[in-house]
Amino acid sequence: MRISNFGAAPRTKTRADRCPVHGEFDRTLVEAFEGDNRVIGCPRCRFDAIHGQDGAERTEAVESKRWEIRNAALFATGIAPRFRRCSLENYRASLEGQKLALDTCRAYVDQFEENFAAGRCLLLMGNFGTGKTHLGCSILKAVVTRHCASALYVPAADIIAALKASFGRDAASSEREIFAELAGVDLLLIDELGAQGGTEFERQSLHQIIDTRYRNMLPTIITSNLPSTELAAYIGDRALDRLRENGGQAVVFDWDSARGGDQ
C-alpha cells in the first residue's frame, strides 16, 4: 500500500501483554485524531465479541472497531493538528455573514450524497482569519464520519512543493502519483489558493487538478483570500466556471479577522 503524500496515520505504541483466554498479544495505544489516546486490547477477544451474540460485549467491540476505522480515516484527511478540533458546532457565528456561511456549510454536509453525485463544489472566499479553513476542515470531518467518504485537506502551497519535489531523482512519489491522489479522493479541500506567487507552473498544476476532478464529477472545496476576479485571473475563468457549475456555491467572508480570539 502506497503511503499518502498528504495524509497521515495515527501513531501507535505497543507493549507485550497476556490475555487469559488467548495468551500473549500486543496491547496497542492508538493516538486519537482530536488529541486523546485509546487502548486496543486483545484483538482475538474483540473479533470473537464482534462475531458473537448480541450483548454488551459485542456492542463495545463493534464500537471499538468502528472508532479505529473512523480514527484512521480522519488522520488520512491530512488535517493539521491545529484544525483537528474544528467542527460546525464550535464555529462561532454572531454576524449575519458568519451565520450564512455556517448554514451553507451545514447544508453541504447534510446534502453530501447529492453533492457528491453531482460533483458539486464549494468556494469559501474572503478575508484572512475569518474561519474559512475552520469551516472547510469541519466539512471534511463531517463527511468522513457521517457519510464514510474519503477526504483530503491540502494547502495549495503543499501541492506545489510536492510536485516540485517529485522531479528529483530520489523522489518518493512521481508527479503522476501525486496528481492521482489529489484527483481520486471523494472530497478535496485546497486551502489558501492564490496565496502563492502565481507562476505559470503553479497555475497550470492547480488548474489540472480542478479540471480532472471536474471531468470525474468529484467535488472540490476551495478556500482563498482572493476576490473572485483575482481568483479567476489566477486559475483561469474556465476553472472558476467549473467550480461554480451545477449549483456550486461561493460564500464570501467579508468580516474582520478573528485571529487572536476564539475563531
Protein backbone atom coordinates (compact mmCIF):
# COMPACT_ATOMS: atom_id res chain seq x y z
CA MET A 1 0.00 0.00 0.00
CA ARG A 2 1.48 3.37 -1.06
CA ILE A 3 1.88 5.98 1.66
CA SER A 4 -0.13 9.15 1.08
CA ASN A 5 1.77 12.27 0.06
CA PHE A 6 -0.53 14.44 2.18
CA GLY A 7 -2.50 12.28 4.62
CA ALA A 8 -1.28 10.86 7.91
CA ALA A 9 -1.77 7.85 10.16
CA PRO A 10 -2.28 7.66 13.93
CA ARG A 11 0.84 7.00 15.96
CA THR A 12 0.80 3.78 17.96
CA LYS A 13 2.73 2.24 20.83
CA THR A 14 2.64 -1.43 21.68
CA ARG A 15 3.65 -3.47 24.69
CA ALA A 16 3.52 -7.16 25.34
CA ASP A 17 0.55 -8.36 27.36
CA ARG A 18 -1.21 -11.61 28.12
CA CYS A 19 -4.86 -12.46 27.58
CA PRO A 20 -6.27 -15.10 29.97
CA VAL A 21 -8.14 -16.64 27.03
CA HIS A 22 -5.83 -16.25 24.02
CA GLY A 23 -2.40 -15.90 25.57
CA GLU A 24 0.25 -13.39 24.55
CA PHE A 25 -0.65 -10.38 22.39
CA ASP A 26 0.49 -6.80 21.76
CA ARG A 27 -1.64 -4.23 23.58
CA THR A 28 -1.78 -1.11 21.40
CA LEU A 29 -2.07 2.52 22.44
CA VAL A 30 -3.55 4.44 19.48
CA GLU A 31 -3.32 8.21 19.02
CA ALA A 32 -6.79 9.70 18.64
CA PHE A 33 -7.42 12.31 15.96
CA GLU A 34 -8.58 15.01 18.36
CA GLY A 35 -5.74 14.52 20.81
CA ASP A 36 -6.60 11.71 23.22
CA ASN A 37 -5.44 8.11 23.14
CA ARG A 38 -7.27 4.80 23.21
CA VAL A 39 -6.08 1.34 24.19
CA ILE A 40 -6.87 -1.57 21.88
CA GLY A 41 -6.85 -4.80 23.87
CA CYS A 42 -6.69 -8.41 22.74
CA PRO A 43 -7.63 -8.43 19.03
CA ARG A 44 -8.91 -12.01 19.15
CA CYS A 45 -11.22 -11.17 22.06
CA ARG A 46 -12.60 -8.26 20.08
CA PHE A 47 -13.05 -10.40 16.97
CA ASP A 48 -14.89 -13.08 18.94
CA ALA A 49 -17.13 -10.46 20.57
CA ILE A 50 -17.98 -8.82 17.23
CA HIS A 51 -18.99 -12.17 15.76
CA GLY A 52 -20.70 -13.38 18.91
CA GLN A 53 -24.23 -12.98 20.16
CA ASP A 54 -25.81 -9.59 20.80
CA GLY A 55 -24.97 -8.09 24.14
CA ALA A 56 -22.86 -5.50 25.92
CA GLU A 57 -19.55 -7.13 24.93
CA ARG A 58 -20.49 -7.22 21.26
CA THR A 59 -21.70 -3.60 21.33
CA GLU A 60 -18.44 -2.47 22.93
CA ALA A 61 -16.32 -4.47 20.48
CA VAL A 62 -18.21 -3.14 17.44
CA GLU A 63 -17.87 0.44 18.71
CA SER A 64 -14.13 -0.09 19.28
CA LYS A 65 -13.62 -1.37 15.73
CA ARG A 66 -15.71 1.43 14.24
CA TRP A 67 -13.74 4.01 16.23
CA GLU A 68 -10.45 2.57 14.94
CA ILE A 69 -11.62 2.72 11.31
CA ARG A 70 -13.08 6.22 11.69
CA ASN A 71 -9.98 7.49 13.50
CA ALA A 72 -7.71 6.21 10.72
CA ALA A 73 -9.95 7.83 8.08
CA LEU A 74 -9.78 11.17 9.89
CA PHE A 75 -5.98 11.04 10.06
CA ALA A 76 -5.94 10.20 6.35
CA THR A 77 -7.54 13.58 5.62
CA GLY A 78 -4.21 15.25 6.39
CA ILE A 79 -5.93 17.91 8.51
CA ALA A 80 -3.21 19.62 10.55
CA PRO A 81 -3.30 19.34 14.37
CA ARG A 82 -4.36 23.00 14.75
CA PHE A 83 -7.62 22.29 12.89
CA ARG A 84 -8.44 18.79 14.17
CA ARG A 85 -10.85 20.02 16.83
CA CYS A 86 -12.67 22.32 14.41
CA SER A 87 -16.32 21.47 13.92
CA LEU A 88 -19.50 23.03 12.61
CA GLU A 89 -20.74 23.01 16.20
CA ASN A 90 -17.88 25.10 17.64
CA TYR A 91 -17.72 27.70 14.84
CA ARG A 92 -18.73 30.98 16.47
CA ALA A 93 -21.30 32.73 14.30
CA SER A 94 -22.54 36.05 15.65
CA LEU A 95 -22.64 38.14 12.45
CA GLU A 96 -25.21 37.53 9.73
CA GLY A 97 -22.46 36.70 7.23
CA GLN A 98 -20.99 34.13 9.62
CA LYS A 99 -24.41 32.56 10.14
CA LEU A 100 -24.94 32.34 6.39
CA ALA A 101 -21.52 30.73 5.91
CA LEU A 102 -22.22 28.21 8.67
CA ASP A 103 -25.67 27.37 7.30
CA THR A 104 -24.23 26.87 3.82
CA CYS A 105 -21.55 24.50 5.13
CA ARG A 106 -24.07 22.58 7.22
CA ALA A 107 -26.33 22.19 4.20
CA TYR A 108 -23.38 20.99 2.11
CA VAL A 109 -22.75 18.21 4.64
CA ASP A 110 -26.43 17.34 5.08
CA GLN A 111 -26.84 17.05 1.30
CA PHE A 112 -23.45 15.47 0.65
CA GLU A 113 -24.79 12.37 -1.09
CA GLU A 114 -26.48 14.64 -3.64
CA ASN A 115 -23.48 16.98 -3.80
CA PHE A 116 -21.14 14.04 -4.34
CA ALA A 117 -23.29 12.56 -7.10
CA ALA A 118 -23.37 15.94 -8.86
CA GLY A 119 -19.68 16.74 -8.27
CA ARG A 120 -20.86 19.98 -6.67
CA CYS A 121 -18.06 22.25 -5.42
CA LEU A 122 -17.87 24.96 -2.76
CA LEU A 123 -15.86 28.19 -2.72
CA LEU A 124 -15.02 29.88 0.60
CA MET A 125 -13.53 33.27 -0.27
CA GLY A 126 -12.57 36.39 1.63
CA ASN A 127 -10.53 37.99 4.35
CA PHE A 128 -7.76 36.43 6.43
CA GLY A 129 -8.72 34.95 9.79
CA THR A 130 -12.45 34.73 9.15
CA GLY A 131 -12.85 30.98 9.62
CA LYS A 132 -12.63 29.63 6.07
CA THR A 133 -10.21 26.85 6.98
CA HIS A 134 -12.16 26.10 10.17
CA LEU A 135 -15.34 25.52 8.18
CA GLY A 136 -13.61 23.69 5.35
CA CYS A 137 -11.96 21.22 7.73
CA SER A 138 -15.23 20.84 9.62
CA ILE A 139 -16.93 19.78 6.40
CA LEU A 140 -14.22 17.20 5.72
CA LYS A 141 -14.52 15.73 9.21
CA ALA A 142 -18.29 15.56 8.93
CA VAL A 143 -18.39 13.81 5.55
CA VAL A 144 -15.83 11.26 6.77
CA THR A 145 -17.73 10.45 9.96
CA ARG A 146 -21.30 10.79 8.68
CA HIS A 147 -21.01 9.66 5.07
CA CYS A 148 -17.96 7.35 5.17
CA ALA A 149 -16.37 9.39 2.38
CA SER A 150 -12.64 9.75 1.77
CA ALA A 151 -11.42 13.32 2.11
CA LEU A 152 -8.15 15.22 1.89
CA TYR A 153 -7.02 18.64 3.13
CA VAL A 154 -4.04 20.16 1.30
CA PRO A 155 -2.77 23.75 1.31
CA ALA A 156 -2.14 24.85 -2.27
CA ALA A 157 1.48 25.61 -1.40
CA ASP A 158 1.99 22.00 -0.27
CA ILE A 159 0.67 20.73 -3.60
CA ILE A 160 3.19 22.83 -5.49
CA ALA A 161 6.02 21.81 -3.14
CA ALA A 162 5.18 18.11 -3.56
CA LEU A 163 5.07 18.41 -7.34
CA LYS A 164 8.42 20.18 -7.46
CA ALA A 165 9.94 17.57 -5.13
CA SER A 166 8.71 14.82 -7.46
CA PHE A 167 11.14 16.00 -10.14
CA GLY A 168 14.13 14.91 -8.04
CA ARG A 169 15.99 11.72 -8.86
CA ASP A 170 15.29 10.17 -5.44
CA ALA A 171 11.71 11.43 -5.14
CA ALA A 172 9.40 9.24 -3.06
CA SER A 173 6.48 9.86 -5.43
CA SER A 174 6.17 10.72 -9.09
CA GLU A 175 4.23 13.66 -10.46
CA ARG A 176 1.66 11.20 -11.83
CA GLU A 177 1.16 9.62 -8.39
CA ILE A 178 0.65 12.99 -6.73
CA PHE A 179 -1.93 14.05 -9.30
CA ALA A 180 -3.66 10.67 -8.97
CA GLU A 181 -4.01 11.03 -5.20
CA LEU A 182 -5.41 14.55 -5.46
CA ALA A 183 -7.73 13.62 -8.30
CA GLY A 184 -9.07 10.42 -6.77
CA VAL A 185 -10.24 11.30 -3.26
CA ASP A 186 -14.01 11.72 -2.74
CA LEU A 187 -13.72 15.29 -1.43
CA LEU A 188 -10.66 17.51 -1.78
CA LEU A 189 -10.09 20.75 0.14
CA ILE A 190 -7.45 23.01 -1.42
CA ASP A 191 -6.64 25.63 1.20
CA GLU A 192 -5.31 29.15 0.58
CA LEU A 193 -5.47 29.01 -3.20
CA GLY A 194 -3.75 32.08 -4.61
CA ALA A 195 -1.50 32.72 -1.61
CA GLN A 196 1.46 31.54 -3.71
CA GLY A 197 3.43 33.61 -6.18
CA GLY A 198 1.32 32.57 -9.13
CA THR A 199 3.87 31.20 -11.58
CA GLU A 200 2.64 29.56 -14.77
CA PHE A 201 3.63 26.14 -13.39
CA GLU A 202 1.55 26.71 -10.26
CA ARG A 203 -1.49 27.91 -12.18
CA GLN A 204 -1.34 25.05 -14.67
CA SER A 205 -0.87 22.44 -11.95
CA LEU A 206 -3.82 23.64 -9.88
CA HIS A 207 -5.96 24.02 -12.98
CA GLN A 208 -5.14 20.43 -13.95
CA ILE A 209 -6.29 19.13 -10.55
CA ILE A 210 -9.53 21.11 -10.68
CA ASP A 211 -10.18 20.09 -14.28
CA THR A 212 -9.51 16.38 -13.66
CA ARG A 213 -11.85 16.31 -10.68
CA TYR A 214 -14.46 18.19 -12.71
CA ARG A 215 -14.30 15.62 -15.52
CA ASN A 216 -14.59 12.80 -12.98
CA MET A 217 -17.51 14.57 -11.22
CA LEU A 218 -15.72 14.74 -7.88
CA PRO A 219 -16.41 17.71 -5.58
CA THR A 220 -13.72 20.17 -4.54
CA ILE A 221 -13.73 22.81 -1.81
CA ILE A 222 -11.53 25.86 -2.34
CA THR A 223 -10.57 28.46 0.25
CA SER A 224 -8.94 31.66 -0.96
CA ASN A 225 -8.19 35.16 0.23
CA LEU A 226 -8.59 36.44 -3.33
CA PRO A 227 -11.79 38.08 -4.61
CA SER A 228 -13.50 36.24 -7.46
CA THR A 229 -11.97 38.47 -10.17
CA GLU A 230 -8.41 37.84 -8.95
CA LEU A 231 -9.13 34.15 -8.38
CA ALA A 232 -10.35 33.87 -11.97
CA ALA A 233 -7.15 35.52 -13.16
CA TYR A 234 -5.10 33.11 -11.03
CA ILE A 235 -6.65 29.76 -12.04
CA GLY A 236 -8.40 30.85 -15.24
CA ASP A 237 -12.01 31.69 -16.00
CA ARG A 238 -12.71 28.15 -17.16
CA ALA A 239 -11.54 26.55 -13.91
CA LEU A 240 -13.57 29.02 -11.86
CA ASP A 241 -16.65 28.36 -14.00
CA ARG A 242 -16.24 24.64 -13.42
CA LEU A 243 -16.11 25.17 -9.67
CA ARG A 244 -19.37 27.13 -9.90
CA GLU A 245 -21.08 24.77 -12.35
CA ASN A 246 -24.05 22.59 -11.40
CA GLY A 247 -25.00 24.60 -8.35
CA GLY A 248 -21.54 25.16 -6.89
CA GLN A 249 -21.76 27.96 -4.34
CA ALA A 250 -19.39 30.77 -3.43
CA VAL A 251 -19.51 32.11 0.13
CA VAL A 252 -17.89 35.50 0.78
CA PHE A 253 -16.22 36.02 4.18
CA ASP A 254 -16.21 39.84 4.32
CA TRP A 255 -15.94 40.48 8.06
CA ASP A 256 -12.82 41.33 10.08
CA SER A 257 -10.27 38.75 11.16
CA ALA A 258 -10.96 36.96 14.44
CA ARG A 259 -7.38 35.75 14.91
CA GLY A 260 -6.26 36.34 18.44
CA GLY A 261 -9.79 35.47 19.55
CA ASP A 262 -11.63 32.18 19.64
CA GLN A 263 -12.48 31.69 15.97
